[in-house]
Amino acid sequence: MANIKSQIKRNKTNEKARLRNRAVRSEVRGQIRNVRAAIEAGNADEAQAALQVASRKIDKAVSKGVLHKKNAANRKSRLAKAVNALKA
């Protein structure tokens, strides 16, 4: 444990940020799982709806600094490609 006051404060804020980031990341993973489940089931409409929700969550994670912009773009692209393959 740190003795310096500013470091003690920093540790508290880091812990809060870690928990917040973990919650956001978990939410994103859950939405991606929903899209993949709909794709596995072969339900194109449900997959499209889940993709829209997942894309919004991924974009929110980027704006909060949890995911990198390019990482988010790759994830969204991969999901959209899978959904579009299901439609075709």
PDB file of N, CA and C in Angstrom:
ATOM      1  N   MET A   1       0.849  -1.190   0.000  1.00  0.00           N
ATOM      2  CA  MET A   1       0.000   0.000   0.000  1.00  0.00           C
ATOM      3  C   MET A   1       0.888   1.244   0.000  1.00  0.00           C
ATOM      4  N   ALA A   2       0.490   2.223  -0.770  1.00  0.00           N
ATOM      5  CA  ALA A   2       1.279   3.449  -0.899  1.00  0.00           C
ATOM      6  C   ALA A   2       1.156   4.314   0.348  1.00  0.00           C
ATOM      7  N   ASN A   3       2.212   5.069   0.643  1.00  0.00           N
ATOM      8  CA  ASN A   3       2.200   6.007   1.768  1.00  0.00           C
ATOM      9  C   ASN A   3       1.888   7.425   1.304  1.00  0.00           C
ATOM     10  N   ILE A   4       2.133   7.708   0.038  1.00  0.00           N
ATOM     11  CA  ILE A   4       1.956   9.055  -0.492  1.00  0.00           C
ATOM     12  C   ILE A   4       0.473   9.294  -0.772  1.00  0.00           C
ATOM     13  N   LYS A   5      -0.018  10.437  -0.288  1.00  0.00           N
ATOM     14  CA  LYS A   5      -1.440  10.749  -0.368  1.00  0.00           C
ATOM     15  C   LYS A   5      -1.964  10.745  -1.805  1.00  0.00           C
ATOM     16  N   SER A   6      -1.215  11.368  -2.707  1.00  0.00           N
ATOM     17  CA  SER A   6      -1.666  11.439  -4.101  1.00  0.00           C
ATOM     18  C   SER A   6      -1.719  10.050  -4.736  1.00  0.00           C
ATOM     19  N   GLN A   7      -0.804   9.175  -4.341  1.00  0.00           N
ATOM     20  CA  GLN A   7      -0.797   7.820  -4.888  1.00  0.00           C
ATOM     21  C   GLN A   7      -1.965   7.006  -4.330  1.00  0.00           C
ATOM     22  N   ILE A   8      -2.328   7.240  -3.078  1.00  0.00           N
ATOM     23  CA  ILE A   8      -3.490   6.562  -2.489  1.00  0.00           C
ATOM     24  C   ILE A   8      -4.743   6.968  -3.260  1.00  0.00           C
ATOM     25  N   LYS A   9      -4.876   8.271  -3.544  1.00  0.00           N
ATOM     26  CA  LYS A   9      -6.022   8.761  -4.325  1.00  0.00           C
ATOM     27  C   LYS A   9      -6.008   8.144  -5.717  1.00  0.00           C
ATOM     28  N   ARG A  10      -4.836   8.101  -6.323  1.00  0.00           N
ATOM     29  CA  ARG A  10      -4.690   7.559  -7.675  1.00  0.00           C
ATOM     30  C   ARG A  10      -5.116   6.088  -7.706  1.00  0.00           C
ATOM     31  N   ASN A  11      -4.722   5.334  -6.675  1.00  0.00           N
ATOM     32  CA  ASN A  11      -5.103   3.920  -6.599  1.00  0.00           C
ATOM     33  C   ASN A  11      -6.622   3.758  -6.537  1.00  0.00           C
ATOM     34  N   LYS A  12      -7.276   4.660  -5.789  1.00  0.00           N
ATOM     35  CA  LYS A  12      -8.743   4.605  -5.690  1.00  0.00           C
ATOM     36  C   LYS A  12      -9.386   4.865  -7.044  1.00  0.00           C
ATOM     37  N   THR A  13      -8.916   5.910  -7.738  1.00  0.00           N
ATOM     38  CA  THR A  13      -9.517   6.233  -9.035  1.00  0.00           C
ATOM     39  C   THR A  13      -9.211   5.153 -10.069  1.00  0.00           C
ATOM     40  N   ASN A  14      -8.010   4.590  -9.994  1.00  0.00           N
ATOM     41  CA  ASN A  14      -7.660   3.504 -10.922  1.00  0.00           C
ATOM     42  C   ASN A  14      -8.566   2.298 -10.720  1.00  0.00           C
ATOM     43  N   GLU A  15      -8.875   1.993  -9.482  1.00  0.00           N
ATOM     44  CA  GLU A  15      -9.744   0.851  -9.183  1.00  0.00           C
ATOM     45  C   GLU A  15     -11.163   1.096  -9.711  1.00  0.00           C
ATOM     46  N   LYS A  16     -11.659   2.320  -9.520  1.00  0.00           N
ATOM     47  CA  LYS A  16     -12.992   2.669 -10.032  1.00  0.00           C
ATOM     48  C   LYS A  16     -13.022   2.538 -11.555  1.00  0.00           C
ATOM     49  N   ALA A  17     -11.985   3.056 -12.201  1.00  0.00           N
ATOM     50  CA  ALA A  17     -11.911   2.998 -13.660  1.00  0.00           C
ATOM     51  C   ALA A  17     -11.818   1.550 -14.138  1.00  0.00           C
ATOM     52  N   ARG A  18     -11.050   0.740 -13.430  1.00  0.00           N
ATOM     53  CA  ARG A  18     -10.893  -0.679 -13.800  1.00  0.00           C
ATOM     54  C   ARG A  18     -12.236  -1.396 -13.761  1.00  0.00           C
ATOM     55  N   LEU A  19     -13.006  -1.146 -12.704  1.00  0.00           N
ATOM     56  CA  LEU A  19     -14.308  -1.796 -12.569  1.00  0.00           C
ATOM     57  C   LEU A  19     -15.281  -1.310 -13.640  1.00  0.00           C
ATOM     58  N   ARG A  20     -15.230   0.000 -13.932  1.00  0.00           N
ATOM     59  CA  ARG A  20     -16.108   0.562 -14.962  1.00  0.00           C
ATOM     60  C   ARG A  20     -15.757  -0.028 -16.327  1.00  0.00           C
ATOM     61  N   ASN A  21     -14.458  -0.084 -16.634  1.00  0.00           N
ATOM     62  CA  ASN A  21     -14.005  -0.636 -17.910  1.00  0.00           C
ATOM     63  C   ASN A  21     -14.386  -2.102 -18.038  1.00  0.00           C
ATOM     64  N   ARG A  22     -14.271  -2.830 -16.932  1.00  0.00           N
ATOM     65  CA  ARG A  22     -14.610  -4.252 -16.934  1.00  0.00           C
ATOM     66  C   ARG A  22     -16.089  -4.459 -17.250  1.00  0.00           C
ATOM     67  N   ALA A  23     -16.939  -3.595 -16.664  1.00  0.00           N
ATOM     68  CA  ALA A  23     -18.379  -3.688 -16.907  1.00  0.00           C
ATOM     69  C   ALA A  23     -18.704  -3.395 -18.371  1.00  0.00           C
ATOM     70  N   VAL A  24     -18.069  -2.377 -18.931  1.00  0.00           N
ATOM     71  CA  VAL A  24     -18.313  -2.006 -20.326  1.00  0.00           C
ATOM     72  C   VAL A  24     -17.851  -3.127 -21.251  1.00  0.00           C
ATOM     73  N   ARG A  25     -16.647  -3.658 -20.982  1.00  0.00           N
ATOM     74  CA  ARG A  25     -16.100  -4.739 -21.807  1.00  0.00           C
ATOM     75  C   ARG A  25     -16.993  -5.981 -21.747  1.00  0.00           C
ATOM     76  N   SER A  26     -17.504  -6.270 -20.565  1.00  0.00           N
ATOM     77  CA  SER A  26     -18.384  -7.417 -20.378  1.00  0.00           C
ATOM     78  C   SER A  26     -19.682  -7.237 -21.169  1.00  0.00           C
ATOM     79  N   GLU A  27     -20.220  -6.031 -21.135  1.00  0.00           N
ATOM     80  CA  GLU A  27     -21.448  -5.711 -21.880  1.00  0.00           C
ATOM     81  C   GLU A  27     -21.234  -5.899 -23.376  1.00  0.00           C
ATOM     82  N   VAL A  28     -20.097  -5.439 -23.878  1.00  0.00           N
ATOM     83  CA  VAL A  28     -19.767  -5.576 -25.301  1.00  0.00           C
ATOM     84  C   VAL A  28     -19.670  -7.059 -25.669  1.00  0.00           C
ATOM     85  N   ARG A  29     -18.963  -7.827 -24.836  1.00  0.00           N
ATOM     86  CA  ARG A  29     -18.812  -9.261 -25.114  1.00  0.00           C
ATOM     87  C   ARG A  29     -20.161  -9.965 -25.132  1.00  0.00           C
ATOM     88  N   GLY A  30     -21.048  -9.579 -24.224  1.00  0.00           N
ATOM     89  CA  GLY A  30     -22.384 -10.176 -24.169  1.00  0.00           C
ATOM     90  C   GLY A  30     -23.180  -9.892 -25.427  1.00  0.00           C
ATOM     91  N   GLN A  31     -23.102  -8.660 -25.923  1.00  0.00           N
ATOM     92  CA  GLN A  31     -23.831  -8.297 -27.142  1.00  0.00           C
ATOM     93  C   GLN A  31     -23.266  -9.028 -28.357  1.00  0.00           C
ATOM     94  N   ILE A  32     -21.947  -9.171 -28.397  1.00  0.00           N
ATOM     95  CA  ILE A  32     -21.319  -9.919 -29.499  1.00  0.00           C
ATOM     96  C   ILE A  32     -21.766 -11.380 -29.452  1.00  0.00           C
ATOM     97  N   ARG A  33     -21.862 -11.917 -28.245  1.00  0.00           N
ATOM     98  CA  ARG A  33     -22.333 -13.296 -28.066  1.00  0.00           C
ATOM     99  C   ARG A  33     -23.757 -13.449 -28.598  1.00  0.00           C
ATOM    100  N   ASN A  34     -24.606 -12.429 -28.363  1.00  0.00           N
ATOM    101  CA  ASN A  34     -25.989 -12.464 -28.860  1.00  0.00           C
ATOM    102  C   ASN A  34     -26.030 -12.507 -30.385  1.00  0.00           C
ATOM    103  N   VAL A  35     -25.168 -11.731 -31.023  1.00  0.00           N
ATOM    104  CA  VAL A  35     -25.111 -11.722 -32.490  1.00  0.00           C
ATOM    105  C   VAL A  35     -24.683 -13.098 -32.997  1.00  0.00           C
ATOM    106  N   ARG A  36     -23.628 -13.636 -32.389  1.00  0.00           N
ATOM    107  CA  ARG A  36     -23.128 -14.948 -32.825  1.00  0.00           C
ATOM    108  C   ARG A  36     -24.163 -16.049 -32.606  1.00  0.00           C
ATOM    109  N   ALA A  37     -24.919 -15.950 -31.511  1.00  0.00           N
ATOM    110  CA  ALA A  37     -25.963 -16.948 -31.226  1.00  0.00           C
ATOM    111  C   ALA A  37     -27.060 -16.885 -32.287  1.00  0.00           C
ATOM    112  N   ALA A  38     -27.440 -15.675 -32.677  1.00  0.00           N
ATOM    113  CA  ALA A  38     -28.470 -15.510 -33.711  1.00  0.00           C
ATOM    114  C   ALA A  38     -27.971 -16.039 -35.056  1.00  0.00           C
ATOM    115  N   ILE A  39     -26.691 -15.841 -35.336  1.00  0.00           N
ATOM    116  CA  ILE A  39     -26.102 -16.347 -36.579  1.00  0.00           C
ATOM    117  C   ILE A  39     -26.102 -17.877 -36.569  1.00  0.00           C
ATOM    118  N   GLU A  40     -25.705 -18.452 -35.440  1.00  0.00           N
ATOM    119  CA  GLU A  40     -25.683 -19.925 -35.301  1.00  0.00           C
ATOM    120  C   GLU A  40     -27.085 -20.509 -35.498  1.00  0.00           C
ATOM    121  N   ALA A  41     -28.098 -19.796 -34.978  1.00  0.00           N
ATOM    122  CA  ALA A  41     -29.482 -20.263 -35.091  1.00  0.00           C
ATOM    123  C   ALA A  41     -30.018 -20.075 -36.506  1.00  0.00           C
ATOM    124  N   GLY A  42     -29.316 -19.267 -37.314  1.00  0.00           N
ATOM    125  CA  GLY A  42     -29.737 -19.044 -38.693  1.00  0.00           C
ATOM    126  C   GLY A  42     -30.842 -18.014 -38.817  1.00  0.00           C
ATOM    127  N   ASN A  43     -31.029 -17.206 -37.776  1.00  0.00           N
ATOM    128  CA  ASN A  43     -32.089 -16.206 -37.767  1.00  0.00           C
ATOM    129  C   ASN A  43     -31.522 -14.859 -38.233  1.00  0.00           C
ATOM    130  N   ALA A  44     -31.749 -14.517 -39.508  1.00  0.00           N
ATOM    131  CA  ALA A  44     -31.144 -13.325 -40.106  1.00  0.00           C
ATOM    132  C   ALA A  44     -31.687 -12.032 -39.500  1.00  0.00           C
ATOM    133  N   ASP A  45     -33.000 -11.969 -39.270  1.00  0.00           N
ATOM    134  CA  ASP A  45     -33.603 -10.738 -38.729  1.00  0.00           C
ATOM    135  C   ASP A  45     -33.114 -10.466 -37.312  1.00  0.00           C
ATOM    136  N   GLU A  46     -33.092 -11.516 -36.519  1.00  0.00           N
ATOM    137  CA  GLU A  46     -32.624 -11.380 -35.134  1.00  0.00           C
ATOM    138  C   GLU A  46     -31.136 -11.008 -35.104  1.00  0.00           C
ATOM    139  N   ALA A  47     -30.370 -11.596 -36.001  1.00  0.00           N
ATOM    140  CA  ALA A  47     -28.940 -11.305 -36.075  1.00  0.00           C
ATOM    141  C   ALA A  47     -28.707  -9.847 -36.465  1.00  0.00           C
ATOM    142  N   GLN A  48     -29.522  -9.341 -37.403  1.00  0.00           N
ATOM    143  CA  GLN A  48     -29.394  -7.946 -37.838  1.00  0.00           C
ATOM    144  C   GLN A  48     -29.703  -6.991 -36.686  1.00  0.00           C
ATOM    145  N   ALA A  49     -30.759  -7.294 -35.930  1.00  0.00           N
ATOM    146  CA  ALA A  49     -31.138  -6.460 -34.788  1.00  0.00           C
ATOM    147  C   ALA A  49     -30.050  -6.496 -33.712  1.00  0.00           C
ATOM    148  N   ALA A  50     -29.528  -7.684 -33.451  1.00  0.00           N
ATOM    149  CA  ALA A  50     -28.475  -7.841 -32.446  1.00  0.00           C
ATOM    150  C   ALA A  50     -27.203  -7.128 -32.888  1.00  0.00           C
ATOM    151  N   LEU A  51     -26.939  -7.120 -34.190  1.00  0.00           N
ATOM    152  CA  LEU A  51     -25.763  -6.439 -34.727  1.00  0.00           C
ATOM    153  C   LEU A  51     -25.848  -4.935 -34.487  1.00  0.00           C
ATOM    154  N   GLN A  52     -27.031  -4.366 -34.670  1.00  0.00           N
ATOM    155  CA  GLN A  52     -27.213  -2.929 -34.431  1.00  0.00           C
ATOM    156  C   GLN A  52     -26.943  -2.578 -32.970  1.00  0.00           C
ATOM    157  N   VAL A  53     -27.464  -3.394 -32.069  1.00  0.00           N
ATOM    158  CA  VAL A  53     -27.249  -3.157 -30.629  1.00  0.00           C
ATOM    159  C   VAL A  53     -25.769  -3.299 -30.297  1.00  0.00           C
ATOM    160  N   ALA A  54     -25.143  -4.350 -30.817  1.00  0.00           N
ATOM    161  CA  ALA A  54     -23.726  -4.602 -30.550  1.00  0.00           C
ATOM    162  C   ALA A  54     -22.857  -3.466 -31.096  1.00  0.00           C
ATOM    163  N   SER A  55     -23.188  -2.962 -32.281  1.00  0.00           N
ATOM    164  CA  SER A  55     -22.417  -1.870 -32.876  1.00  0.00           C
ATOM    165  C   SER A  55     -22.478  -0.623 -32.008  1.00  0.00           C
ATOM    166  N   ARG A  56     -23.657  -0.336 -31.480  1.00  0.00           N
ATOM    167  CA  ARG A  56     -23.807   0.823 -30.589  1.00  0.00           C
ATOM    168  C   ARG A  56     -22.964   0.644 -29.324  1.00  0.00           C
ATOM    169  N   LYS A  57     -23.002  -0.556 -28.755  1.00  0.00           N
ATOM    170  CA  LYS A  57     -22.226  -0.824 -27.534  1.00  0.00           C
ATOM    171  C   LYS A  57     -20.731  -0.711 -27.799  1.00  0.00           C
ATOM    172  N   ILE A  58     -20.295  -1.225 -28.939  1.00  0.00           N
ATOM    173  CA  ILE A  58     -18.876  -1.157 -29.302  1.00  0.00           C
ATOM    174  C   ILE A  58     -18.451   0.303 -29.465  1.00  0.00           C
ATOM    175  N   ASP A  59     -19.293   1.102 -30.141  1.00  0.00           N
ATOM    176  CA  ASP A  59     -18.979   2.524 -30.328  1.00  0.00           C
ATOM    177  C   ASP A  59     -18.919   3.259 -28.994  1.00  0.00           C
ATOM    178  N   LYS A  60     -19.820   2.907 -28.079  1.00  0.00           N
ATOM    179  CA  LYS A  60     -19.817   3.516 -26.740  1.00  0.00           C
ATOM    180  C   LYS A  60     -18.512   3.173 -26.017  1.00  0.00           C
ATOM    181  N   ALA A  61     -18.078   1.928 -26.153  1.00  0.00           N
ATOM    182  CA  ALA A  61     -16.837   1.496 -25.502  1.00  0.00           C
ATOM    183  C   ALA A  61     -15.649   2.283 -26.043  1.00  0.00           C
ATOM    184  N   VAL A  62     -15.670   2.600 -27.337  1.00  0.00           N
ATOM    185  CA  VAL A  62     -14.592   3.390 -27.929  1.00  0.00           C
ATOM    186  C   VAL A  62     -14.616   4.797 -27.348  1.00  0.00           C
ATOM    187  N   SER A  63     -15.801   5.387 -27.253  1.00  0.00           N
ATOM    188  CA  SER A  63     -15.903   6.761 -26.757  1.00  0.00           C
ATOM    189  C   SER A  63     -15.479   6.858 -25.292  1.00  0.00           C
ATOM    190  N   LYS A  64     -15.621   5.760 -24.556  1.00  0.00           N
ATOM    191  CA  LYS A  64     -15.208   5.741 -23.149  1.00  0.00           C
ATOM    192  C   LYS A  64     -13.748   5.345 -22.979  1.00  0.00           C
ATOM    193  N   GLY A  65     -13.094   5.011 -24.092  1.00  0.00           N
ATOM    194  CA  GLY A  65     -11.677   4.681 -24.033  1.00  0.00           C
ATOM    195  C   GLY A  65     -11.396   3.250 -23.612  1.00  0.00           C
ATOM    196  N   VAL A  66     -12.408   2.398 -23.666  1.00  0.00           N
ATOM    197  CA  VAL A  66     -12.223   1.004 -23.267  1.00  0.00           C
ATOM    198  C   VAL A  66     -11.636   0.197 -24.420  1.00  0.00           C
ATOM    199  N   LEU A  67     -12.099   0.478 -25.634  1.00  0.00           N
ATOM    200  CA  LEU A  67     -11.582  -0.203 -26.829  1.00  0.00           C
ATOM    201  C   LEU A  67     -10.906   0.820 -27.740  1.00  0.00           C
ATOM    202  N   HIS A  68      -9.946   0.354 -28.509  1.00  0.00           N
ATOM    203  CA  HIS A  68      -9.305   1.210 -29.514  1.00  0.00           C
ATOM    204  C   HIS A  68     -10.225   1.314 -30.726  1.00  0.00           C
ATOM    205  N   LYS A  69     -10.168   2.446 -31.397  1.00  0.00           N
ATOM    206  CA  LYS A  69     -11.036   2.728 -32.538  1.00  0.00           C
ATOM    207  C   LYS A  69     -10.915   1.664 -33.632  1.00  0.00           C
ATOM    208  N   LYS A  70      -9.687   1.275 -33.939  1.00  0.00           N
ATOM    209  CA  LYS A  70      -9.476   0.301 -35.021  1.00  0.00           C
ATOM    210  C   LYS A  70      -9.883  -1.104 -34.592  1.00  0.00           C
ATOM    211  N   ASN A  71      -9.694  -1.419 -33.321  1.00  0.00           N
ATOM    212  CA  ASN A  71     -10.127  -2.711 -32.806  1.00  0.00           C
ATOM    213  C   ASN A  71     -11.651  -2.824 -32.921  1.00  0.00           C
ATOM    214  N   ALA A  72     -12.336  -1.739 -32.590  1.00  0.00           N
ATOM    215  CA  ALA A  72     -13.798  -1.712 -32.679  1.00  0.00           C
ATOM    216  C   ALA A  72     -14.254  -1.859 -34.131  1.00  0.00           C
ATOM    217  N   ALA A  73     -13.567  -1.171 -35.035  1.00  0.00           N
ATOM    218  CA  ALA A  73     -13.916  -1.251 -36.456  1.00  0.00           C
ATOM    219  C   ALA A  73     -13.770  -2.678 -36.966  1.00  0.00           C
ATOM    220  N   ASN A  74     -12.695  -3.349 -36.547  1.00  0.00           N
ATOM    221  CA  ASN A  74     -12.484  -4.737 -36.965  1.00  0.00           C
ATOM    222  C   ASN A  74     -13.562  -5.660 -36.418  1.00  0.00           C
ATOM    223  N   ARG A  75     -13.933  -5.466 -35.161  1.00  0.00           N
ATOM    224  CA  ARG A  75     -14.978  -6.304 -34.559  1.00  0.00           C
ATOM    225  C   ARG A  75     -16.307  -6.119 -35.277  1.00  0.00           C
ATOM    226  N   LYS A  76     -16.676  -4.860 -35.504  1.00  0.00           N
ATOM    227  CA  LYS A  76     -17.945  -4.565 -36.175  1.00  0.00           C
ATOM    228  C   LYS A  76     -17.940  -5.118 -37.600  1.00  0.00           C
ATOM    229  N   SER A  77     -16.820  -4.988 -38.281  1.00  0.00           N
ATOM    230  CA  SER A  77     -16.698  -5.468 -39.650  1.00  0.00           C
ATOM    231  C   SER A  77     -16.887  -6.987 -39.710  1.00  0.00           C
ATOM    232  N   ARG A  78     -16.217  -7.683 -38.792  1.00  0.00           N
ATOM    233  CA  ARG A  78     -16.317  -9.144 -38.760  1.00  0.00           C
ATOM    234  C   ARG A  78     -17.744  -9.608 -38.499  1.00  0.00           C
ATOM    235  N   LEU A  79     -18.408  -8.934 -37.558  1.00  0.00           N
ATOM    236  CA  LEU A  79     -19.787  -9.300 -37.231  1.00  0.00           C
ATOM    237  C   LEU A  79     -20.716  -9.021 -38.422  1.00  0.00           C
ATOM    238  N   ALA A  80     -20.542  -7.850 -39.047  1.00  0.00           N
ATOM    239  CA  ALA A  80     -21.394  -7.470 -40.180  1.00  0.00           C
ATOM    240  C   ALA A  80     -21.194  -8.444 -41.336  1.00  0.00           C
ATOM    241  N   LYS A  81     -19.953  -8.859 -41.545  1.00  0.00           N
ATOM    242  CA  LYS A  81     -19.646  -9.806 -42.615  1.00  0.00           C
ATOM    243  C   LYS A  81     -20.369 -11.134 -42.371  1.00  0.00           C
ATOM    244  N   ALA A  82     -20.382 -11.588 -41.127  1.00  0.00           N
ATOM    245  CA  ALA A  82     -21.038 -12.852 -40.782  1.00  0.00           C
ATOM    246  C   ALA A  82     -22.545 -12.744 -40.952  1.00  0.00           C
ATOM    247  N   VAL A  83     -23.122 -11.591 -40.559  1.00  0.00           N
ATOM    248  CA  VAL A  83     -24.568 -11.389 -40.690  1.00  0.00           C
ATOM    249  C   VAL A  83     -24.952 -11.317 -42.163  1.00  0.00           C
ATOM    250  N   ASN A  84     -24.158 -10.600 -42.958  1.00  0.00           N
ATOM    251  CA  ASN A  84     -24.456 -10.482 -44.379  1.00  0.00           C
ATOM    252  C   ASN A  84     -24.311 -11.819 -45.098  1.00  0.00           C
ATOM    253  N   ALA A  85     -23.388 -12.653 -44.672  1.00  0.00           N
ATOM    254  CA  ALA A  85     -23.237 -13.983 -45.259  1.00  0.00           C
ATOM    255  C   ALA A  85     -24.465 -14.848 -44.974  1.00  0.00           C
ATOM    256  N   LEU A  86     -25.070 -14.600 -43.820  1.00  0.00           N
ATOM    257  CA  LEU A  86     -26.270 -15.350 -43.415  1.00  0.00           C
ATOM    258  C   LEU A  86     -27.444 -14.967 -44.320  1.00  0.00           C
ATOM    259  N   LYS A  87     -27.530 -13.700 -44.680  1.00  0.00           N
ATOM    260  CA  LYS A  87     -28.618 -13.203 -45.528  1.00  0.00           C
ATOM    261  C   LYS A  87     -28.506 -13.740 -46.951  1.00  0.00           C
ATOM    262  N   ALA A  88     -27.276 -13.810 -47.456  1.00  0.00           N
ATOM    263  CA  ALA A  88     -27.061 -14.204 -48.859  1.00  0.00           C
ATOM    264  C   ALA A  88     -27.311 -15.665 -49.120  1.00  0.00           C
TER     265      ALA A  88
END
